[in-house]
């Protein structure tokens, strides 16, 4: 009976450590680098949490139809190393976002670069950012 208990506890331990790994994904599993997109709109929501921060923007097309897009950023830790804070992006901010579309055709994209209304450009913490970062182009401090 005691052996069954230890096997059960060990199994729960393995399951608990595997759950976060199943929630995470690779870029190529969900996004298509061959389908770049640039979106301009108003931030409606910001989610600062692991494994990836996310934000949502309302984008108006030429006919006036507004669509809400979900944009994935890097992890909060990676974003902080790039100069972001929880307050760098706020609901109501106007932004332009460069990124890659989701493979499934949903209104989801992996953000690569965010440009604020005042012209500040910041990298979004994706794997490609470390190769392309330039000095002075990545300050995500909130507006004064």
N, C-alpha and C. Protein backbone atom coordinates (compact mmCIF):
# COMPACT_ATOMS: atom_id res chain seq x y z
N UNK A 1 0.82 -1.19 0.00
CA UNK A 1 0.00 0.00 0.00
C UNK A 1 0.87 1.27 0.00
N UNK A 2 1.94 1.21 0.78
CA UNK A 2 2.83 2.36 0.88
C UNK A 2 3.51 2.64 -0.47
N UNK A 3 3.88 1.61 -1.19
CA UNK A 3 4.53 1.78 -2.49
C UNK A 3 3.58 2.45 -3.49
N UNK A 4 2.31 2.08 -3.46
CA UNK A 4 1.33 2.69 -4.36
C UNK A 4 1.20 4.19 -4.06
N UNK A 5 1.24 4.52 -2.79
CA UNK A 5 1.15 5.93 -2.40
C UNK A 5 2.31 6.73 -2.99
N UNK A 6 3.54 6.20 -2.86
CA UNK A 6 4.72 6.90 -3.38
C UNK A 6 4.68 7.01 -4.90
N UNK A 7 4.20 5.99 -5.57
CA UNK A 7 4.07 6.04 -7.03
C UNK A 7 3.05 7.11 -7.41
N UNK A 8 1.94 7.18 -6.66
CA UNK A 8 0.91 8.18 -6.91
C UNK A 8 1.47 9.60 -6.72
N UNK A 9 2.19 9.83 -5.63
CA UNK A 9 2.76 11.14 -5.35
C UNK A 9 3.80 11.51 -6.42
N UNK A 10 4.62 10.56 -6.81
CA UNK A 10 5.61 10.82 -7.86
C UNK A 10 4.93 11.17 -9.18
N UNK A 11 3.85 10.47 -9.50
CA UNK A 11 3.09 10.75 -10.72
C UNK A 11 2.49 12.15 -10.70
N UNK A 12 1.95 12.56 -9.57
CA UNK A 12 1.41 13.91 -9.44
C UNK A 12 2.51 14.96 -9.61
N UNK A 13 3.68 14.68 -9.05
CA UNK A 13 4.81 15.59 -9.19
C UNK A 13 5.22 15.76 -10.64
N UNK A 14 5.28 14.68 -11.38
CA UNK A 14 5.63 14.75 -12.81
C UNK A 14 4.58 15.51 -13.60
N UNK A 15 3.32 15.25 -13.29
CA UNK A 15 2.23 15.94 -13.97
C UNK A 15 2.28 17.44 -13.70
N UNK A 16 2.54 17.82 -12.47
CA UNK A 16 2.59 19.23 -12.10
C UNK A 16 3.72 19.96 -12.80
N UNK A 17 4.86 19.31 -12.98
CA UNK A 17 5.98 19.98 -13.66
C UNK A 17 5.79 20.01 -15.16
N UNK A 18 5.01 19.10 -15.72
CA UNK A 18 4.80 19.07 -17.17
C UNK A 18 3.72 20.05 -17.61
N UNK A 19 2.78 20.39 -16.75
CA UNK A 19 1.67 21.27 -17.12
C UNK A 19 2.12 22.62 -17.67
N UNK A 20 3.07 23.33 -17.01
CA UNK A 20 3.50 24.61 -17.58
C UNK A 20 4.18 24.45 -18.94
N UNK A 21 4.86 23.36 -19.16
CA UNK A 21 5.52 23.14 -20.44
C UNK A 21 4.50 22.95 -21.55
N UNK A 22 3.40 22.30 -21.24
CA UNK A 22 2.37 22.08 -22.26
C UNK A 22 1.70 23.40 -22.63
N UNK A 23 1.64 24.35 -21.72
CA UNK A 23 1.00 25.62 -21.98
C UNK A 23 1.85 26.51 -22.88
N UNK A 24 3.14 26.31 -22.89
CA UNK A 24 4.04 27.12 -23.69
C UNK A 24 4.16 26.54 -25.09
N UNK A 25 4.55 27.34 -26.04
CA UNK A 25 4.63 26.90 -27.43
C UNK A 25 5.81 27.58 -28.10
N UNK A 26 6.19 27.04 -29.24
CA UNK A 26 7.25 27.69 -30.00
C UNK A 26 6.61 28.68 -30.98
N UNK A 27 7.40 29.65 -31.42
CA UNK A 27 6.91 30.64 -32.38
C UNK A 27 6.38 29.96 -33.63
N UNK A 28 7.17 29.03 -34.19
CA UNK A 28 6.78 28.41 -35.47
C UNK A 28 5.56 27.51 -35.35
N UNK A 29 5.21 27.09 -34.14
CA UNK A 29 4.02 26.26 -33.97
C UNK A 29 2.75 27.08 -34.16
N UNK A 30 2.81 28.37 -33.83
CA UNK A 30 1.59 29.19 -33.86
C UNK A 30 1.62 30.32 -34.86
N UNK A 31 2.80 30.84 -35.22
CA UNK A 31 2.89 32.02 -36.07
C UNK A 31 3.64 31.72 -37.36
N UNK A 32 3.39 32.55 -38.38
CA UNK A 32 4.03 32.38 -39.68
C UNK A 32 4.90 33.59 -39.98
N UNK A 33 6.22 33.43 -39.89
CA UNK A 33 7.16 34.53 -40.13
C UNK A 33 7.06 35.05 -41.57
N UNK A 34 6.53 34.24 -42.48
CA UNK A 34 6.38 34.65 -43.88
C UNK A 34 5.12 35.50 -44.09
N UNK A 35 4.36 35.74 -43.03
CA UNK A 35 3.15 36.56 -43.13
C UNK A 35 3.27 37.75 -42.17
N UNK A 36 4.09 38.75 -42.54
CA UNK A 36 4.23 39.92 -41.67
C UNK A 36 2.96 40.78 -41.72
N UNK A 37 2.72 41.49 -40.62
CA UNK A 37 1.56 42.36 -40.55
C UNK A 37 1.95 43.62 -39.79
N UNK A 38 1.36 44.76 -40.18
CA UNK A 38 1.49 46.00 -39.44
C UNK A 38 0.08 46.44 -39.09
N UNK A 39 -0.18 46.62 -37.81
CA UNK A 39 -1.50 47.00 -37.31
C UNK A 39 -1.39 48.33 -36.58
N UNK A 40 -2.36 49.21 -36.79
CA UNK A 40 -2.41 50.49 -36.09
C UNK A 40 -3.75 50.57 -35.38
N UNK A 41 -3.69 50.91 -34.09
CA UNK A 41 -4.94 51.01 -33.37
C UNK A 41 -4.76 51.49 -31.94
N UNK A 42 -5.84 51.37 -31.19
CA UNK A 42 -5.90 51.83 -29.81
C UNK A 42 -5.86 50.64 -28.87
N UNK A 43 -4.98 50.70 -27.89
CA UNK A 43 -4.86 49.62 -26.90
C UNK A 43 -6.14 49.56 -26.08
N UNK A 44 -6.71 48.34 -25.95
CA UNK A 44 -7.93 48.17 -25.16
C UNK A 44 -7.67 47.41 -23.86
N UNK A 45 -6.61 46.59 -23.83
CA UNK A 45 -6.35 45.77 -22.65
C UNK A 45 -4.88 45.32 -22.68
N UNK A 46 -4.27 45.21 -21.49
CA UNK A 46 -2.90 44.72 -21.36
C UNK A 46 -2.90 43.63 -20.30
N UNK A 47 -2.29 42.48 -20.63
CA UNK A 47 -2.15 41.37 -19.69
C UNK A 47 -0.67 41.12 -19.47
N UNK A 48 -0.18 41.46 -18.30
CA UNK A 48 1.24 41.35 -17.95
C UNK A 48 1.42 40.08 -17.13
N UNK A 49 1.57 38.93 -17.81
CA UNK A 49 1.72 37.67 -17.09
C UNK A 49 2.52 36.67 -17.93
N UNK A 50 3.00 35.62 -17.24
CA UNK A 50 3.76 34.56 -17.89
C UNK A 50 2.83 33.57 -18.55
N UNK A 51 3.24 32.85 -19.58
CA UNK A 51 4.60 32.88 -20.13
C UNK A 51 4.82 34.02 -21.11
N UNK A 52 3.74 34.69 -21.58
CA UNK A 52 3.88 35.81 -22.50
C UNK A 52 2.92 36.91 -22.09
N UNK A 53 3.41 38.14 -22.09
CA UNK A 53 2.52 39.28 -21.91
C UNK A 53 1.72 39.42 -23.21
N UNK A 54 0.54 39.97 -23.10
CA UNK A 54 -0.32 40.17 -24.26
C UNK A 54 -1.00 41.52 -24.16
N UNK A 55 -1.34 42.07 -25.31
CA UNK A 55 -2.18 43.25 -25.30
C UNK A 55 -3.12 43.17 -26.49
N UNK A 56 -4.16 43.97 -26.42
CA UNK A 56 -5.22 43.93 -27.42
C UNK A 56 -5.41 45.34 -27.96
N UNK A 57 -5.64 45.44 -29.27
CA UNK A 57 -5.88 46.75 -29.88
C UNK A 57 -7.09 46.68 -30.79
N UNK A 58 -7.82 47.80 -30.84
CA UNK A 58 -8.91 47.95 -31.79
C UNK A 58 -8.34 48.55 -33.06
N UNK A 59 -8.52 47.85 -34.18
CA UNK A 59 -8.00 48.28 -35.48
C UNK A 59 -9.19 48.57 -36.38
N UNK A 60 -9.20 49.77 -36.99
CA UNK A 60 -10.28 50.17 -37.89
C UNK A 60 -9.83 49.98 -39.33
N UNK A 61 -10.62 49.25 -40.13
CA UNK A 61 -10.25 49.06 -41.54
C UNK A 61 -10.79 50.23 -42.38
N UNK A 62 -10.55 50.17 -43.68
CA UNK A 62 -10.94 51.27 -44.57
C UNK A 62 -12.44 51.51 -44.59
N UNK A 63 -13.24 50.48 -44.33
CA UNK A 63 -14.70 50.65 -44.33
C UNK A 63 -15.23 51.13 -42.98
N UNK A 64 -14.35 51.29 -41.99
CA UNK A 64 -14.77 51.76 -40.68
C UNK A 64 -15.08 50.65 -39.69
N UNK A 65 -14.96 49.40 -40.12
CA UNK A 65 -15.20 48.27 -39.22
C UNK A 65 -14.05 48.13 -38.24
N UNK A 66 -14.38 48.01 -36.95
CA UNK A 66 -13.37 47.87 -35.91
C UNK A 66 -13.24 46.41 -35.51
N UNK A 67 -12.00 45.92 -35.49
CA UNK A 67 -11.71 44.54 -35.10
C UNK A 67 -10.70 44.57 -33.97
N UNK A 68 -10.93 43.75 -32.94
CA UNK A 68 -10.00 43.67 -31.82
C UNK A 68 -8.97 42.58 -32.10
N UNK A 69 -7.70 42.94 -32.05
CA UNK A 69 -6.59 42.02 -32.29
C UNK A 69 -5.87 41.71 -30.99
N UNK A 70 -5.45 40.46 -30.86
CA UNK A 70 -4.62 40.04 -29.72
C UNK A 70 -3.18 39.99 -30.19
N UNK A 71 -2.28 40.59 -29.41
CA UNK A 71 -0.87 40.63 -29.77
C UNK A 71 -0.03 40.05 -28.64
N UNK A 72 0.78 39.08 -28.98
CA UNK A 72 1.63 38.42 -27.99
C UNK A 72 2.99 39.09 -27.95
N UNK A 73 3.47 39.33 -26.74
CA UNK A 73 4.80 39.88 -26.50
C UNK A 73 5.68 38.78 -25.92
N UNK A 74 6.89 39.14 -25.53
CA UNK A 74 7.76 38.22 -24.83
C UNK A 74 7.30 38.07 -23.39
N UNK A 75 8.05 37.36 -22.60
CA UNK A 75 7.71 37.19 -21.17
C UNK A 75 7.92 38.53 -20.45
N UNK A 76 7.22 38.74 -19.34
CA UNK A 76 7.46 39.97 -18.59
C UNK A 76 8.93 40.18 -18.22
N UNK A 77 9.64 39.10 -17.88
CA UNK A 77 11.05 39.20 -17.55
C UNK A 77 11.87 39.72 -18.75
N UNK A 78 11.62 39.15 -19.92
CA UNK A 78 12.33 39.60 -21.12
C UNK A 78 11.98 41.05 -21.44
N UNK A 79 10.72 41.41 -21.27
CA UNK A 79 10.31 42.79 -21.54
C UNK A 79 10.99 43.77 -20.59
N UNK A 80 11.10 43.41 -19.32
CA UNK A 80 11.77 44.30 -18.35
C UNK A 80 13.23 44.49 -18.72
N UNK A 81 13.89 43.44 -19.23
CA UNK A 81 15.29 43.58 -19.66
C UNK A 81 15.40 44.51 -20.86
N UNK A 82 14.30 44.66 -21.61
CA UNK A 82 14.28 45.56 -22.77
C UNK A 82 13.83 46.97 -22.40
N UNK A 83 13.54 47.20 -21.11
CA UNK A 83 13.16 48.53 -20.67
C UNK A 83 11.68 48.73 -20.41
N UNK A 84 10.86 47.71 -20.61
CA UNK A 84 9.42 47.83 -20.37
C UNK A 84 9.14 47.80 -18.87
N UNK A 85 8.00 48.35 -18.49
CA UNK A 85 7.42 48.18 -17.15
C UNK A 85 5.95 47.82 -17.36
N UNK A 86 5.29 47.50 -16.26
CA UNK A 86 3.85 47.21 -16.34
C UNK A 86 3.06 48.39 -16.90
N UNK A 87 3.62 49.58 -16.80
CA UNK A 87 2.91 50.80 -17.18
C UNK A 87 3.37 51.37 -18.52
N UNK A 88 4.22 50.66 -19.23
CA UNK A 88 4.71 51.16 -20.52
C UNK A 88 3.59 51.25 -21.55
N UNK A 89 2.65 50.34 -21.47
CA UNK A 89 1.55 50.27 -22.43
C UNK A 89 0.25 50.33 -21.63
N UNK A 90 -0.60 51.28 -21.96
CA UNK A 90 -1.84 51.50 -21.22
C UNK A 90 -3.03 51.49 -22.17
N UNK A 91 -4.19 51.09 -21.65
CA UNK A 91 -5.43 51.18 -22.43
C UNK A 91 -5.59 52.63 -22.87
N UNK A 92 -5.94 52.83 -24.12
CA UNK A 92 -6.10 54.16 -24.68
C UNK A 92 -4.92 54.63 -25.50
N UNK A 93 -3.74 54.01 -25.33
CA UNK A 93 -2.56 54.38 -26.11
C UNK A 93 -2.78 54.03 -27.58
N UNK A 94 -2.34 54.93 -28.46
CA UNK A 94 -2.34 54.65 -29.90
C UNK A 94 -0.99 54.04 -30.23
N UNK A 95 -1.00 52.91 -30.94
CA UNK A 95 0.24 52.22 -31.29
C UNK A 95 0.18 51.68 -32.71
N UNK A 96 1.35 51.43 -33.24
CA UNK A 96 1.53 50.70 -34.49
C UNK A 96 2.37 49.49 -34.13
N UNK A 97 1.96 48.32 -34.59
CA UNK A 97 2.63 47.08 -34.22
C UNK A 97 3.05 46.32 -35.46
N UNK A 98 4.33 45.93 -35.51
CA UNK A 98 4.83 45.06 -36.57
C UNK A 98 4.97 43.67 -35.98
N UNK A 99 4.54 42.67 -36.72
CA UNK A 99 4.64 41.31 -36.21
C UNK A 99 4.35 40.27 -37.26
N UNK A 100 4.02 39.08 -36.80
CA UNK A 100 3.73 37.95 -37.68
C UNK A 100 2.36 37.39 -37.34
N UNK A 101 1.58 37.11 -38.39
CA UNK A 101 0.22 36.59 -38.21
C UNK A 101 0.22 35.17 -37.67
N UNK A 102 -0.87 34.83 -36.99
CA UNK A 102 -1.08 33.46 -36.53
C UNK A 102 -1.37 32.58 -37.74
N UNK A 103 -0.94 31.33 -37.67
CA UNK A 103 -1.15 30.39 -38.76
C UNK A 103 -2.62 30.04 -38.95
N UNK A 104 -3.41 30.11 -37.87
CA UNK A 104 -4.81 29.67 -37.95
C UNK A 104 -5.75 30.74 -38.52
N UNK A 105 -5.23 31.91 -38.89
CA UNK A 105 -6.06 32.94 -39.50
C UNK A 105 -6.86 33.78 -38.51
N UNK A 106 -6.68 33.56 -37.21
CA UNK A 106 -7.41 34.33 -36.21
C UNK A 106 -6.81 35.74 -36.11
N UNK A 107 -7.47 36.60 -35.39
CA UNK A 107 -6.99 37.97 -35.18
C UNK A 107 -5.96 37.97 -34.05
N UNK A 108 -4.88 37.24 -34.30
CA UNK A 108 -3.79 37.06 -33.35
C UNK A 108 -2.48 37.24 -34.09
N UNK A 109 -1.54 37.94 -33.47
CA UNK A 109 -0.22 38.12 -34.07
C UNK A 109 0.84 38.15 -32.98
N UNK A 110 2.04 37.75 -33.33
CA UNK A 110 3.19 37.85 -32.44
C UNK A 110 3.83 39.19 -32.73
N UNK A 111 3.82 40.08 -31.75
CA UNK A 111 4.37 41.42 -31.94
C UNK A 111 5.89 41.36 -31.95
N UNK A 112 6.50 42.08 -32.85
CA UNK A 112 7.95 42.17 -32.92
C UNK A 112 8.43 43.56 -32.51
N UNK A 113 7.73 44.58 -32.98
CA UNK A 113 8.10 45.96 -32.66
C UNK A 113 6.82 46.77 -32.44
N UNK A 114 6.84 47.60 -31.39
CA UNK A 114 5.71 48.47 -31.07
C UNK A 114 6.18 49.90 -31.20
N UNK A 115 5.43 50.72 -31.95
CA UNK A 115 5.74 52.13 -32.09
C UNK A 115 4.61 52.93 -31.44
N UNK A 116 4.98 53.80 -30.49
CA UNK A 116 4.01 54.62 -29.79
C UNK A 116 3.69 55.88 -30.60
N UNK A 117 2.62 56.56 -30.24
CA UNK A 117 2.19 57.77 -30.95
C UNK A 117 3.26 58.85 -30.95
N UNK A 118 4.11 58.88 -29.90
CA UNK A 118 5.16 59.90 -29.83
C UNK A 118 6.42 59.51 -30.60
N UNK A 119 6.38 58.37 -31.30
CA UNK A 119 7.50 57.94 -32.13
C UNK A 119 8.45 56.95 -31.49
N UNK A 120 8.32 56.71 -30.17
CA UNK A 120 9.19 55.73 -29.52
C UNK A 120 8.92 54.36 -30.11
N UNK A 121 10.01 53.63 -30.40
CA UNK A 121 9.91 52.27 -30.92
C UNK A 121 10.54 51.32 -29.93
N UNK A 122 9.85 50.24 -29.61
CA UNK A 122 10.37 49.26 -28.67
C UNK A 122 10.20 47.86 -29.23
N UNK A 123 11.17 47.02 -28.94
CA UNK A 123 11.07 45.63 -29.33
C UNK A 123 10.17 44.89 -28.36
N UNK A 124 9.55 43.84 -28.83
CA UNK A 124 8.51 43.16 -28.06
C UNK A 124 8.98 41.88 -27.39
N UNK A 125 10.28 41.63 -27.35
CA UNK A 125 10.80 40.50 -26.60
C UNK A 125 10.77 39.18 -27.34
N UNK A 126 10.58 39.19 -28.65
CA UNK A 126 10.62 37.93 -29.39
C UNK A 126 12.06 37.50 -29.62
N UNK A 127 12.26 36.27 -30.06
CA UNK A 127 13.61 35.73 -30.24
C UNK A 127 14.42 36.56 -31.24
N UNK A 128 13.78 37.13 -32.23
CA UNK A 128 14.49 37.90 -33.25
C UNK A 128 14.99 39.24 -32.72
N UNK A 129 14.42 39.72 -31.62
CA UNK A 129 14.79 41.03 -31.11
C UNK A 129 16.25 41.14 -30.73
N UNK A 130 16.82 40.12 -30.12
CA UNK A 130 18.19 40.20 -29.66
C UNK A 130 19.16 40.40 -30.81
N UNK A 131 18.79 39.97 -32.00
CA UNK A 131 19.66 40.13 -33.16
C UNK A 131 19.55 41.53 -33.75
N UNK A 132 18.43 42.21 -33.54
CA UNK A 132 18.16 43.47 -34.23
C UNK A 132 18.14 44.69 -33.33
N UNK A 133 18.40 44.56 -32.05
CA UNK A 133 18.30 45.68 -31.11
C UNK A 133 19.37 46.72 -31.41
N UNK A 134 18.95 47.98 -31.43
CA UNK A 134 19.89 49.07 -31.61
C UNK A 134 19.75 50.04 -30.46
N UNK A 135 20.85 50.70 -30.08
CA UNK A 135 20.82 51.65 -28.97
C UNK A 135 19.87 52.79 -29.26
N UNK A 136 19.17 53.24 -28.23
CA UNK A 136 18.29 54.40 -28.36
C UNK A 136 16.96 54.08 -28.99
N UNK A 137 16.74 52.88 -29.45
CA UNK A 137 15.49 52.56 -30.12
C UNK A 137 14.58 51.71 -29.25
N UNK A 138 14.97 51.47 -28.03
CA UNK A 138 14.18 50.53 -27.22
C UNK A 138 13.90 51.03 -25.83
N UNK A 139 13.36 52.21 -25.71
CA UNK A 139 13.02 52.73 -24.40
C UNK A 139 11.50 52.71 -24.25
N UNK A 140 11.01 51.88 -23.34
CA UNK A 140 9.57 51.71 -23.19
C UNK A 140 9.03 52.37 -21.94
N UNK A 141 9.78 53.36 -21.40
CA UNK A 141 9.30 54.00 -20.19
C UNK A 141 7.97 54.68 -20.48
N UNK A 142 7.11 54.76 -19.47
CA UNK A 142 5.81 55.43 -19.68
C UNK A 142 6.01 56.92 -19.95
N UNK A 143 4.99 57.50 -20.57
CA UNK A 143 5.02 58.94 -20.87
C UNK A 143 5.07 59.74 -19.58
N UNK A 144 5.73 60.87 -19.59
CA UNK A 144 5.84 61.73 -18.40
C UNK A 144 4.68 62.68 -18.33
